[in-house]
Amino acid sequence: IDLLKREKDTLQTEKSYLQTEVQGYREKSSIASRTVSNLNDHNKSLDSQIIQLKGDLLKGIHYTIFLAWS
């Protein structure tokens, strides 16, 4: 019976350790998910800035052509 109690204690300790490991992986996964979300948001912002800059560039080109023909 002592052997069974020790085996049970060992298994309980192992279970506790594994639960801690799983919790750590869940936290890392959550952090990774938030990081990906933040990067996606940043990417969308950069896309908007690129579109704005392209528009500004085209306006500048049109204005330059207009001045050249004036």
C-alpha atoms as a PDB file:
ATOM      1  CA  ILE A   1       0.000   0.000   0.000  1.00  0.00           C
ATOM      2  CA  ASP A   2       2.909   2.353   0.719  1.00  0.00           C
ATOM      3  CA  LEU A   3       4.180   1.734  -2.783  1.00  0.00           C
ATOM      4  CA  LEU A   4       0.782   2.644  -4.237  1.00  0.00           C
ATOM      5  CA  LYS A   5       0.655   5.841  -2.156  1.00  0.00           C
ATOM      6  CA  ARG A   6       4.108   6.843  -3.363  1.00  0.00           C
ATOM      7  CA  GLU A   7       3.123   6.060  -6.944  1.00  0.00           C
ATOM      8  CA  LYS A   8      -0.029   8.160  -6.508  1.00  0.00           C
ATOM      9  CA  ASP A   9       2.009  11.036  -5.047  1.00  0.00           C
ATOM     10  CA  THR A  10       4.470  10.790  -7.923  1.00  0.00           C
ATOM     11  CA  LEU A  11       1.640  10.865 -10.440  1.00  0.00           C
ATOM     12  CA  GLN A  12       0.010  13.826  -8.675  1.00  0.00           C
ATOM     13  CA  THR A  13       3.310  15.707  -8.775  1.00  0.00           C
ATOM     14  CA  GLU A  14       3.727  14.878 -12.451  1.00  0.00           C
ATOM     15  CA  LYS A  15       0.161  15.963 -13.169  1.00  0.00           C
ATOM     16  CA  SER A  16       0.742  19.264 -11.381  1.00  0.00           C
ATOM     17  CA  TYR A  17       3.962  19.834 -13.327  1.00  0.00           C
ATOM     18  CA  LEU A  18       2.227  19.087 -16.632  1.00  0.00           C
ATOM     19  CA  GLN A  19      -0.653  21.418 -15.772  1.00  0.00           C
ATOM     20  CA  THR A  20       1.877  24.166 -15.098  1.00  0.00           C
ATOM     21  CA  GLU A  21       3.571  23.422 -18.431  1.00  0.00           C
ATOM     22  CA  VAL A  22       0.249  23.549 -20.268  1.00  0.00           C
ATOM     23  CA  GLN A  23      -0.624  26.862 -18.607  1.00  0.00           C
ATOM     24  CA  GLY A  24       2.735  28.262 -19.704  1.00  0.00           C
ATOM     25  CA  TYR A  25       2.104  27.187 -23.289  1.00  0.00           C
ATOM     26  CA  ARG A  26      -1.375  28.719 -23.196  1.00  0.00           C
ATOM     27  CA  GLU A  27       0.077  32.019 -22.007  1.00  0.00           C
ATOM     28  CA  LYS A  28       2.744  31.941 -24.735  1.00  0.00           C
ATOM     29  CA  SER A  29       0.083  31.127 -27.318  1.00  0.00           C
ATOM     30  CA  SER A  30      -2.038  34.033 -26.106  1.00  0.00           C
ATOM     31  CA  ILE A  31       0.935  36.407 -26.316  1.00  0.00           C
ATOM     32  CA  ALA A  32       1.751  35.146 -29.813  1.00  0.00           C
ATOM     33  CA  SER A  33      -1.861  35.613 -30.876  1.00  0.00           C
ATOM     34  CA  ARG A  34      -1.910  39.202 -29.582  1.00  0.00           C
ATOM     35  CA  THR A  35       1.409  39.886 -31.310  1.00  0.00           C
ATOM     36  CA  VAL A  36       0.052  38.596 -34.632  1.00  0.00           C
ATOM     37  CA  SER A  37      -3.072  40.715 -34.191  1.00  0.00           C
ATOM     38  CA  ASN A  38      -0.975  43.813 -33.447  1.00  0.00           C
ATOM     39  CA  LEU A  39       1.224  43.147 -36.479  1.00  0.00           C
ATOM     40  CA  ASN A  40      -1.855  42.753 -38.687  1.00  0.00           C
ATOM     41  CA  ASP A  41      -3.211  46.078 -37.415  1.00  0.00           C
ATOM     42  CA  HIS A  42       0.159  47.727 -38.029  1.00  0.00           C
ATOM     43  CA  ASN A  43       0.269  46.233 -41.529  1.00  0.00           C
ATOM     44  CA  LYS A  44      -3.179  47.673 -42.304  1.00  0.00           C
ATOM     45  CA  SER A  45      -1.994  51.059 -41.063  1.00  0.00           C
ATOM     46  CA  LEU A  46       1.083  50.866 -43.292  1.00  0.00           C
ATOM     47  CA  ASP A  47      -1.105  49.900 -46.262  1.00  0.00           C
ATOM     48  CA  SER A  48      -3.231  53.005 -45.637  1.00  0.00           C
ATOM     49  CA  GLN A  49      -0.124  55.177 -45.420  1.00  0.00           C
ATOM     50  CA  ILE A  50       1.206  53.717 -48.685  1.00  0.00           C
ATOM     51  CA  ILE A  51      -2.099  54.450 -50.436  1.00  0.00           C
ATOM     52  CA  GLN A  52      -2.013  58.016 -49.090  1.00  0.00           C
ATOM     53  CA  LEU A  53       1.597  58.498 -50.225  1.00  0.00           C
ATOM     54  CA  LYS A  54       0.803  57.137 -53.698  1.00  0.00           C
ATOM     55  CA  GLY A  55      -2.074  59.607 -53.932  1.00  0.00           C
ATOM     56  CA  ASP A  56       0.167  62.468 -52.824  1.00  0.00           C
ATOM     57  CA  LEU A  57       2.818  61.407 -55.340  1.00  0.00           C
ATOM     58  CA  LEU A  58       0.286  61.354 -58.176  1.00  0.00           C
ATOM     59  CA  LYS A  59      -0.969  64.808 -57.185  1.00  0.00           C
ATOM     60  CA  GLY A  60       2.625  66.046 -57.193  1.00  0.00           C
ATOM     61  CA  ILE A  61       3.268  64.544 -60.622  1.00  0.00           C
ATOM     62  CA  HIS A  62       0.076  66.059 -62.039  1.00  0.00           C
ATOM     63  CA  TYR A  63       0.936  69.446 -60.549  1.00  0.00           C
ATOM     64  CA  THR A  64       4.476  69.252 -61.967  1.00  0.00           C
ATOM     65  CA  ILE A  65       3.105  68.412 -65.426  1.00  0.00           C
ATOM     66  CA  PHE A  66       0.579  71.249 -65.117  1.00  0.00           C
ATOM     67  CA  LEU A  67       3.361  73.705 -64.217  1.00  0.00           C
ATOM     68  CA  ALA A  68       5.554  72.442 -67.047  1.00  0.00           C
ATOM     69  CA  TRP A  69       2.785  73.014 -69.583  1.00  0.00           C
ATOM     70  CA  SER A  70       1.823  76.417 -68.211  1.00  0.00           C
END
